Amino acid sequence: MHSWDLARATGQDETLDPERCAAMLAGMQSWDAVLRSSGQYGPKVDVPGDADAQTKLIAFIGRDPLSNP
């Protein structure tokens, strides 16, 4: 996820491994309340239901993957 942040901030390729994104998202979803209460993650960003795993993961952690950098 930090790789995505850095790539976005510097105009580089933001593509993450889709299988790793799907696995991370699956593992994090059950910890939603705990993660949000830590203050390290912002509110989830809404994305289309058919979005790819990377888009869903980035949105889950509170970043807007659909905005222009």
N, C-alpha and C. Protein backbone atom coordinates (compact mmCIF):
# COMPACT_ATOMS: atom_id res chain seq x y z
N MET A 1 0.82 -1.18 0.00
CA MET A 1 0.00 0.00 0.00
C MET A 1 0.87 1.25 0.00
N HIS A 2 2.00 1.20 0.72
CA HIS A 2 2.90 2.35 0.69
C HIS A 2 3.50 2.50 -0.70
N SER A 3 3.71 1.38 -1.38
CA SER A 3 4.22 1.44 -2.75
C SER A 3 3.25 2.21 -3.64
N TRP A 4 1.96 1.98 -3.44
CA TRP A 4 0.94 2.68 -4.22
C TRP A 4 1.02 4.18 -3.92
N ASP A 5 1.11 4.53 -2.64
CA ASP A 5 1.20 5.95 -2.25
C ASP A 5 2.40 6.63 -2.90
N LEU A 6 3.55 5.97 -2.82
CA LEU A 6 4.76 6.56 -3.39
C LEU A 6 4.68 6.67 -4.90
N ALA A 7 4.18 5.62 -5.54
CA ALA A 7 4.05 5.66 -7.00
C ALA A 7 3.08 6.76 -7.42
N ARG A 8 1.97 6.89 -6.72
CA ARG A 8 0.98 7.92 -7.04
C ARG A 8 1.60 9.30 -6.87
N ALA A 9 2.32 9.50 -5.79
CA ALA A 9 2.89 10.82 -5.49
C ALA A 9 3.99 11.22 -6.46
N THR A 10 4.65 10.24 -7.05
CA THR A 10 5.78 10.54 -7.93
C THR A 10 5.48 10.28 -9.40
N GLY A 11 4.23 9.98 -9.72
CA GLY A 11 3.83 9.80 -11.11
C GLY A 11 4.33 8.51 -11.74
N GLN A 12 4.59 7.49 -10.93
CA GLN A 12 5.07 6.21 -11.46
C GLN A 12 3.93 5.21 -11.57
N ASP A 13 4.25 4.03 -12.07
CA ASP A 13 3.27 2.96 -12.22
C ASP A 13 2.75 2.53 -10.85
N GLU A 14 1.45 2.60 -10.67
CA GLU A 14 0.81 2.29 -9.38
C GLU A 14 0.35 0.84 -9.26
N THR A 15 0.62 0.04 -10.26
CA THR A 15 0.09 -1.32 -10.30
C THR A 15 0.69 -2.19 -9.21
N LEU A 16 -0.18 -2.82 -8.43
CA LEU A 16 0.22 -3.76 -7.39
C LEU A 16 -0.18 -5.17 -7.82
N ASP A 17 0.40 -6.17 -7.20
CA ASP A 17 0.08 -7.56 -7.51
C ASP A 17 -1.38 -7.84 -7.17
N PRO A 18 -2.20 -8.25 -8.15
CA PRO A 18 -3.63 -8.44 -7.89
C PRO A 18 -3.94 -9.53 -6.89
N GLU A 19 -3.17 -10.61 -6.88
CA GLU A 19 -3.42 -11.68 -5.91
C GLU A 19 -3.10 -11.22 -4.49
N ARG A 20 -2.02 -10.49 -4.33
CA ARG A 20 -1.66 -9.98 -3.01
C ARG A 20 -2.70 -8.96 -2.52
N CYS A 21 -3.18 -8.11 -3.43
CA CYS A 21 -4.22 -7.14 -3.07
C CYS A 21 -5.47 -7.86 -2.59
N ALA A 22 -5.89 -8.89 -3.31
CA ALA A 22 -7.09 -9.64 -2.94
C ALA A 22 -6.91 -10.31 -1.58
N ALA A 23 -5.73 -10.89 -1.35
CA ALA A 23 -5.47 -11.56 -0.08
C ALA A 23 -5.44 -10.56 1.08
N MET A 24 -4.79 -9.42 0.86
CA MET A 24 -4.74 -8.40 1.91
C MET A 24 -6.13 -7.88 2.24
N LEU A 25 -6.91 -7.60 1.22
CA LEU A 25 -8.25 -7.09 1.44
C LEU A 25 -9.09 -8.11 2.21
N ALA A 26 -9.02 -9.36 1.81
CA ALA A 26 -9.78 -10.41 2.49
C ALA A 26 -9.38 -10.51 3.96
N GLY A 27 -8.10 -10.39 4.23
CA GLY A 27 -7.64 -10.48 5.61
C GLY A 27 -7.97 -9.26 6.45
N MET A 28 -8.04 -8.11 5.82
CA MET A 28 -8.28 -6.87 6.56
C MET A 28 -9.76 -6.60 6.82
N GLN A 29 -10.63 -7.09 5.99
CA GLN A 29 -12.05 -6.74 6.10
C GLN A 29 -12.65 -7.12 7.44
N SER A 30 -12.27 -8.24 8.00
CA SER A 30 -12.84 -8.64 9.28
C SER A 30 -12.29 -7.79 10.43
N TRP A 31 -11.23 -7.06 10.19
CA TRP A 31 -10.63 -6.18 11.19
C TRP A 31 -11.01 -4.72 10.99
N ASP A 32 -12.03 -4.48 10.21
CA ASP A 32 -12.41 -3.11 9.82
C ASP A 32 -12.49 -2.16 11.01
N ALA A 33 -13.27 -2.50 12.01
CA ALA A 33 -13.46 -1.60 13.16
C ALA A 33 -12.16 -1.35 13.90
N VAL A 34 -11.36 -2.38 14.08
CA VAL A 34 -10.08 -2.24 14.78
C VAL A 34 -9.14 -1.34 13.99
N LEU A 35 -9.06 -1.56 12.70
CA LEU A 35 -8.18 -0.75 11.87
C LEU A 35 -8.59 0.72 11.88
N ARG A 36 -9.88 0.99 11.76
CA ARG A 36 -10.36 2.37 11.75
C ARG A 36 -10.11 3.05 13.10
N SER A 37 -10.30 2.30 14.18
CA SER A 37 -10.12 2.90 15.51
C SER A 37 -8.65 3.20 15.81
N SER A 38 -7.73 2.60 15.05
CA SER A 38 -6.30 2.85 15.27
C SER A 38 -5.90 4.25 14.83
N GLY A 39 -6.73 4.87 13.98
CA GLY A 39 -6.41 6.19 13.46
C GLY A 39 -5.44 6.16 12.28
N GLN A 40 -5.03 4.97 11.88
CA GLN A 40 -4.08 4.86 10.77
C GLN A 40 -4.75 4.73 9.41
N TYR A 41 -6.07 4.55 9.42
CA TYR A 41 -6.82 4.39 8.18
C TYR A 41 -7.98 5.36 8.18
N GLY A 42 -8.21 5.99 7.04
CA GLY A 42 -9.34 6.89 6.91
C GLY A 42 -10.61 6.12 6.62
N PRO A 43 -11.70 6.82 6.45
CA PRO A 43 -12.96 6.16 6.09
C PRO A 43 -12.83 5.49 4.73
N LYS A 44 -13.54 4.39 4.55
CA LYS A 44 -13.54 3.71 3.26
C LYS A 44 -14.07 4.66 2.18
N VAL A 45 -13.53 4.52 0.99
CA VAL A 45 -13.97 5.29 -0.16
C VAL A 45 -14.84 4.37 -1.01
N ASP A 46 -15.97 4.87 -1.46
CA ASP A 46 -16.86 4.06 -2.29
C ASP A 46 -16.27 3.89 -3.69
N VAL A 47 -16.26 2.65 -4.15
CA VAL A 47 -15.86 2.32 -5.51
C VAL A 47 -16.88 1.34 -6.07
N PRO A 48 -16.97 1.21 -7.38
CA PRO A 48 -17.94 0.29 -7.97
C PRO A 48 -17.71 -1.15 -7.48
N GLY A 49 -18.77 -1.91 -7.34
CA GLY A 49 -18.69 -3.28 -6.88
C GLY A 49 -17.86 -4.17 -7.77
N ASP A 50 -17.75 -3.82 -9.04
CA ASP A 50 -16.98 -4.65 -9.96
C ASP A 50 -15.53 -4.16 -10.12
N ALA A 51 -15.10 -3.28 -9.21
CA ALA A 51 -13.72 -2.77 -9.26
C ALA A 51 -12.74 -3.92 -9.01
N ASP A 52 -11.52 -3.76 -9.50
CA ASP A 52 -10.51 -4.79 -9.29
C ASP A 52 -10.02 -4.78 -7.84
N ALA A 53 -9.28 -5.82 -7.47
CA ALA A 53 -8.84 -5.98 -6.08
C ALA A 53 -7.98 -4.82 -5.61
N GLN A 54 -7.12 -4.30 -6.46
CA GLN A 54 -6.27 -3.18 -6.05
C GLN A 54 -7.12 -1.96 -5.73
N THR A 55 -8.06 -1.64 -6.59
CA THR A 55 -8.92 -0.48 -6.37
C THR A 55 -9.70 -0.64 -5.06
N LYS A 56 -10.24 -1.83 -4.83
CA LYS A 56 -10.99 -2.08 -3.60
C LYS A 56 -10.11 -1.97 -2.37
N LEU A 57 -8.88 -2.49 -2.44
CA LEU A 57 -7.96 -2.42 -1.30
C LEU A 57 -7.60 -0.98 -0.99
N ILE A 58 -7.22 -0.23 -2.00
CA ILE A 58 -6.82 1.16 -1.79
C ILE A 58 -7.99 1.96 -1.23
N ALA A 59 -9.19 1.71 -1.73
CA ALA A 59 -10.38 2.39 -1.21
C ALA A 59 -10.68 1.97 0.22
N PHE A 60 -10.46 0.70 0.53
CA PHE A 60 -10.71 0.20 1.88
C PHE A 60 -9.84 0.91 2.91
N ILE A 61 -8.59 1.20 2.55
CA ILE A 61 -7.71 1.85 3.51
C ILE A 61 -7.89 3.37 3.56
N GLY A 62 -8.81 3.88 2.77
CA GLY A 62 -9.14 5.30 2.89
C GLY A 62 -8.54 6.20 1.83
N ARG A 63 -7.91 5.61 0.82
CA ARG A 63 -7.38 6.42 -0.28
C ARG A 63 -8.41 6.43 -1.41
N ASP A 64 -8.36 7.43 -2.25
CA ASP A 64 -9.28 7.49 -3.39
C ASP A 64 -8.54 7.07 -4.66
N PRO A 65 -8.66 5.80 -5.03
CA PRO A 65 -7.91 5.31 -6.18
C PRO A 65 -8.44 5.81 -7.51
N LEU A 66 -9.61 6.40 -7.52
CA LEU A 66 -10.22 6.86 -8.77
C LEU A 66 -9.95 8.33 -9.04
N SER A 67 -9.38 9.04 -8.08
CA SER A 67 -9.09 10.46 -8.29
C SER A 67 -7.82 10.61 -9.12
N ASN A 68 -7.71 11.72 -9.77
CA ASN A 68 -6.49 12.02 -10.52
C ASN A 68 -5.44 12.51 -9.54
N PRO A 69 -4.21 12.02 -9.70
CA PRO A 69 -3.15 12.43 -8.76
C PRO A 69 -2.84 13.91 -8.87
